[in-house]
Protein backbone atom coordinates (compact mmCIF):
# COMPACT_ATOMS: atom_id res chain seq x y z
CA UNK A 1 -124.79 -236.92 -56.98
CA UNK A 2 -123.23 -240.28 -56.18
CA UNK A 3 -121.11 -241.72 -58.98
CA UNK A 4 -121.00 -245.46 -59.43
CA UNK A 5 -118.59 -245.90 -62.35
CA UNK A 6 -114.89 -245.07 -62.13
CA UNK A 7 -112.89 -244.61 -65.34
CA UNK A 8 -109.12 -245.00 -65.72
CA UNK A 9 -107.69 -242.81 -68.49
CA UNK A 10 -104.60 -244.05 -70.35
CA UNK A 11 -103.46 -241.29 -72.70
CA UNK A 12 -99.93 -240.01 -73.32
CA UNK A 13 -100.97 -236.51 -74.44
CA UNK A 14 -101.68 -234.67 -71.19
CA UNK A 15 -103.82 -231.94 -72.77
CA UNK A 16 -106.12 -234.59 -74.27
CA UNK A 17 -106.10 -236.54 -71.01
CA UNK A 18 -107.18 -233.49 -69.00
CA UNK A 19 -109.91 -232.59 -71.49
CA UNK A 20 -111.15 -236.17 -71.43
CA UNK A 21 -111.22 -236.19 -67.63
CA UNK A 22 -113.31 -233.02 -67.63
CA UNK A 23 -115.74 -234.47 -70.14
CA UNK A 24 -116.12 -237.68 -68.15
CA UNK A 25 -116.87 -235.74 -64.96
CA UNK A 26 -119.54 -233.73 -66.79
CA UNK A 27 -121.06 -237.01 -67.98
CA UNK A 28 -121.29 -238.23 -64.39
CA UNK A 29 -118.27 -240.53 -64.05
CA UNK A 30 -115.52 -240.56 -61.44
CA UNK A 31 -111.86 -240.60 -62.53
CA UNK A 32 -109.92 -243.58 -61.16
CA UNK A 33 -106.61 -242.18 -62.44
CA UNK A 34 -104.70 -240.78 -65.41
CA UNK A 35 -101.54 -242.47 -66.70
CA UNK A 36 -99.43 -242.17 -69.84
CA UNK A 37 -97.70 -245.57 -70.13
CA UNK A 38 -98.95 -249.09 -70.74
CA UNK A 39 -96.93 -250.42 -67.82
CA UNK A 40 -98.57 -247.90 -65.47
CA UNK A 41 -102.00 -248.79 -66.87
CA UNK A 42 -101.51 -252.44 -65.88
CA UNK A 43 -100.34 -251.44 -62.40
CA UNK A 44 -103.19 -248.98 -61.80
CA UNK A 45 -105.78 -251.42 -63.13
CA UNK A 46 -104.76 -253.82 -60.36
CA UNK A 47 -104.60 -251.14 -57.67
CA UNK A 48 -107.66 -249.05 -58.54
CA UNK A 49 -109.97 -251.74 -60.02
CA UNK A 50 -111.77 -249.20 -62.26
CA UNK A 51 -115.15 -249.92 -63.82
CA UNK A 52 -113.70 -249.32 -67.30
CA UNK A 53 -110.47 -248.18 -68.94
CA UNK A 54 -110.18 -245.70 -71.81
CA UNK A 55 -106.95 -246.74 -73.52
CA UNK A 56 -105.08 -244.88 -76.24
CA UNK A 57 -103.43 -247.40 -78.55
CA UNK A 58 -100.22 -245.40 -79.11
CA UNK A 59 -98.49 -244.88 -75.75
CA UNK A 60 -95.15 -243.99 -74.22
CA UNK A 61 -93.11 -246.79 -72.72
CA UNK A 62 -92.12 -250.25 -73.89
CA UNK A 63 -95.64 -251.61 -74.45
CA UNK A 64 -98.52 -250.01 -76.35
CA UNK A 65 -102.18 -249.82 -75.42
CA UNK A 66 -103.10 -253.04 -77.20
CA UNK A 67 -100.56 -255.12 -75.29
CA UNK A 68 -101.54 -253.41 -72.02
CA UNK A 69 -105.25 -254.09 -72.68
CA UNK A 70 -104.57 -257.75 -73.43
CA UNK A 71 -102.67 -258.12 -70.14
CA UNK A 72 -105.38 -256.31 -68.17
CA UNK A 73 -108.11 -258.50 -69.69
CA UNK A 74 -106.26 -261.66 -68.68
CA UNK A 75 -105.36 -260.45 -65.17
CA UNK A 76 -108.32 -258.37 -64.05
CA UNK A 77 -111.24 -258.78 -66.50
CA UNK A 78 -111.80 -255.02 -66.74
CA UNK A 79 -113.50 -253.72 -69.92
CA UNK A 80 -111.25 -251.60 -72.14
CA UNK A 81 -112.33 -249.10 -74.80
CA UNK A 82 -109.61 -248.19 -77.30
CA UNK A 83 -109.05 -244.58 -78.34
CA UNK A 84 -107.05 -244.00 -81.50
CA UNK A 85 -106.51 -241.78 -84.49
CA UNK A 86 -105.00 -244.72 -86.39
CA UNK A 87 -107.01 -247.30 -88.34
CA UNK A 88 -104.42 -249.18 -90.40
CA UNK A 89 -105.06 -252.87 -90.99
CA UNK A 90 -102.27 -254.16 -88.77
CA UNK A 91 -103.46 -252.03 -85.83
CA UNK A 92 -107.04 -253.20 -86.30
CA UNK A 93 -106.05 -256.86 -86.38
CA UNK A 94 -104.01 -256.50 -83.19
CA UNK A 95 -106.89 -254.65 -81.56
CA UNK A 96 -109.30 -257.46 -82.48
CA UNK A 97 -107.03 -260.00 -80.80
CA UNK A 98 -107.10 -257.95 -77.58
CA UNK A 99 -110.93 -258.26 -77.46
CA UNK A 100 -111.79 -254.67 -76.46
CA UNK A 101 -115.26 -253.71 -75.26
CA UNK A 102 -115.34 -250.78 -77.65
CA UNK A 103 -113.38 -248.68 -80.10
CA UNK A 104 -113.49 -244.90 -80.62
CA UNK A 105 -111.81 -243.06 -83.46
CA UNK A 106 -110.45 -239.61 -82.60
CA UNK A 107 -111.89 -237.07 -82.68
CA UNK A 108 -115.18 -238.21 -81.15
CA UNK A 109 -118.19 -236.41 -79.71
CA UNK A 110 -119.27 -236.47 -76.08
CA UNK A 111 -122.40 -238.45 -76.99
CA UNK A 112 -120.32 -241.09 -78.80
CA UNK A 113 -118.06 -241.38 -75.77
CA UNK A 114 -121.01 -241.73 -73.38
CA UNK A 115 -122.82 -244.30 -75.54
CA UNK A 116 -119.69 -246.41 -75.99
CA UNK A 117 -118.93 -246.41 -72.27
CA UNK A 118 -122.50 -247.29 -71.27
CA UNK A 119 -122.83 -250.09 -73.84
CA UNK A 120 -119.46 -251.49 -72.79
CA UNK A 121 -120.43 -251.46 -69.11
CA UNK A 122 -123.79 -253.05 -69.92
CA UNK A 123 -122.18 -255.76 -72.02
CA UNK A 124 -119.60 -256.50 -69.33
CA UNK A 125 -122.27 -256.71 -66.61
CA UNK A 126 -124.30 -259.17 -68.68
CA UNK A 127 -121.21 -261.23 -69.39
CA UNK A 128 -120.41 -261.48 -65.68
CA UNK A 129 -124.02 -262.45 -64.95
CA UNK A 130 -123.83 -265.48 -67.22
CA UNK A 131 -120.08 -266.15 -66.95
CA UNK A 132 -120.52 -269.31 -64.81
CA UNK A 133 -122.32 -270.89 -67.74
CA UNK A 134 -119.60 -270.17 -70.33
CA UNK A 135 -117.24 -272.95 -69.34
CA UNK A 136 -119.84 -275.71 -68.93
CA UNK A 137 -122.14 -274.66 -71.73
CA UNK A 138 -122.84 -277.44 -74.23
CA UNK A 139 -126.63 -277.08 -74.51
CA UNK A 140 -129.17 -274.32 -73.93
CA UNK A 141 -130.59 -276.00 -70.81
CA UNK A 142 -127.45 -274.82 -68.98
CA UNK A 143 -128.84 -271.25 -69.08
CA UNK A 144 -131.63 -269.66 -67.02
CA UNK A 145 -134.72 -269.81 -69.23
CA UNK A 146 -135.76 -266.30 -68.19
CA UNK A 147 -132.69 -264.89 -69.99
CA UNK A 148 -133.22 -264.23 -73.74
CA UNK A 149 -130.28 -266.14 -75.22
CA UNK A 150 -129.36 -267.70 -78.55
CA UNK A 151 -126.53 -270.15 -79.19
CA UNK A 152 -125.00 -269.65 -82.63
CA UNK A 153 -122.86 -272.44 -84.09
CA UNK A 154 -119.72 -271.78 -86.09
CA UNK A 155 -121.67 -272.03 -89.38
CA UNK A 156 -123.99 -269.17 -88.41
CA UNK A 157 -127.00 -271.37 -87.60
CA UNK A 158 -129.01 -271.07 -84.37
CA UNK A 159 -128.39 -274.28 -82.44
CA UNK A 160 -130.17 -273.33 -79.20
CA UNK A 161 -132.62 -270.78 -77.83
CA UNK A 162 -134.27 -270.09 -74.49
CA UNK A 163 -138.03 -269.65 -74.23
CA UNK A 164 -137.45 -266.00 -73.32
CA UNK A 165 -135.60 -265.42 -76.60
CA UNK A 166 -138.37 -267.11 -78.58
CA UNK A 167 -141.02 -264.98 -76.83
CA UNK A 168 -139.05 -261.79 -77.50
CA UNK A 169 -138.85 -262.67 -81.19
CA UNK A 170 -142.51 -263.70 -81.37
CA UNK A 171 -141.88 -267.32 -82.26
CA UNK A 172 -141.09 -270.71 -80.73
CA UNK A 173 -137.80 -272.33 -79.83
CA UNK A 174 -138.50 -275.06 -82.37
CA UNK A 175 -138.86 -272.50 -85.15
CA UNK A 176 -135.61 -270.78 -84.18
CA UNK A 177 -133.47 -273.94 -84.18
CA UNK A 178 -131.49 -274.36 -87.42
CA UNK A 179 -132.51 -270.88 -88.59
CA UNK A 180 -129.72 -268.67 -89.88
CA UNK A 181 -128.87 -266.03 -87.28
CA UNK A 182 -128.57 -263.28 -89.89
CA UNK A 183 -132.14 -263.95 -91.06
CA UNK A 184 -133.44 -262.42 -87.81
CA UNK A 185 -132.25 -258.91 -88.66
CA UNK A 186 -134.67 -256.38 -90.13
CA UNK A 187 -131.77 -255.14 -92.28
CA UNK A 188 -128.19 -256.42 -92.54
CA UNK A 189 -126.25 -254.98 -89.58
CA UNK A 190 -123.00 -253.13 -90.19
CA UNK A 191 -120.29 -255.19 -88.51
CA UNK A 192 -117.38 -253.04 -87.37
CA UNK A 193 -113.86 -254.47 -87.74
CA UNK A 194 -113.31 -254.71 -83.97
CA UNK A 195 -116.61 -255.31 -82.18
CA UNK A 196 -119.95 -256.87 -82.92
CA UNK A 197 -122.69 -254.24 -83.34
CA UNK A 198 -124.63 -253.97 -80.07
CA UNK A 199 -127.64 -251.93 -81.23
CA UNK A 200 -129.63 -253.62 -84.00
CA UNK A 201 -133.20 -254.07 -85.22
CA UNK A 202 -134.63 -257.57 -85.41
CA UNK A 203 -137.85 -258.78 -86.97
CA UNK A 204 -140.40 -260.96 -85.24
CA UNK A 205 -142.23 -263.81 -86.92
CA UNK A 206 -145.23 -261.52 -87.61
CA UNK A 207 -143.00 -259.02 -89.41
CA UNK A 208 -142.88 -256.34 -86.72
CA UNK A 209 -139.49 -254.80 -85.98
CA UNK A 210 -138.04 -254.45 -82.47
CA UNK A 211 -134.89 -252.63 -81.28
CA UNK A 212 -132.40 -254.98 -79.60
CA UNK A 213 -129.10 -254.64 -77.77
CA UNK A 214 -126.89 -257.69 -78.31
CA UNK A 215 -124.11 -258.93 -76.06
CA UNK A 216 -121.73 -261.63 -77.25
CA UNK A 217 -119.80 -264.35 -75.46
CA UNK A 218 -117.69 -267.13 -76.93
CA UNK A 219 -118.30 -270.84 -76.26
CA UNK A 220 -115.29 -273.12 -76.26
CA UNK A 221 -114.85 -276.88 -76.33
CA UNK A 222 -112.97 -278.67 -73.56
CA UNK A 223 -109.80 -278.42 -75.63
CA UNK A 224 -110.15 -274.63 -75.90
CA UNK A 225 -111.25 -274.50 -79.53
CA UNK A 226 -114.12 -272.20 -80.50
CA UNK A 227 -117.44 -273.99 -81.01
CA UNK A 228 -119.77 -271.03 -81.37
CA UNK A 229 -121.06 -268.01 -79.53
CA UNK A 230 -123.73 -267.05 -77.04
CA UNK A 231 -125.85 -263.99 -77.86
CA UNK A 232 -127.86 -262.30 -75.11
CA UNK A 233 -130.76 -260.16 -76.36
CA UNK A 234 -132.10 -257.12 -74.49
CA UNK A 235 -135.04 -255.18 -75.88
CA UNK A 236 -134.48 -251.42 -75.94
CA UNK A 237 -137.22 -248.89 -75.25
CA UNK A 238 -135.88 -246.10 -77.49
CA UNK A 239 -137.63 -247.22 -80.69
CA UNK A 240 -140.08 -244.82 -82.29
């Protein structure tokens, strides 16, 4: 079987690293490399260009996984999923600032690992697809109308919507504008401290509930300040 996704493992406990490599191979991924230090992770990210990096937060060397992930994001735009057994407030806040694609608390199950990797890769692919719009985006007409997108202002109100998003939600763009974003959820989603929940259930105008995968991108003003966010909606087919 041909593998398309290559994973770089950054873990300073070799036994865990080897077990993780074996699990990833069973799940159908290729291993781009295994390193133990943050400095080596940065170097190998540039050399190997992996599809995704699994990064332990606590590492050997002068820099930890959070600092390494932040550098890799700025240099190479490779998605990073943090692995950690630590969840103290200071660590979480630093992890948030590094903008990881996912976060796994040890110990985790194979299914949790697979789901986190796949959602992270999906979110990153969508982000790259619409990346050219991020830096010029000041109105919804900048986006392809076939892409189900919502623009959420800093006060939580929907300030823009494509026709595809309105169709998916069973309504019109006019009805969506100036609606609170959180009013679209069938039940209040559980927001994790590090990442926005990807898998949610939303309600259409007629009351029916549909399963949605959300991907988030930030919209900035010309001076670099945050003006809102762009949410891309993808309907899932796993709802029963």
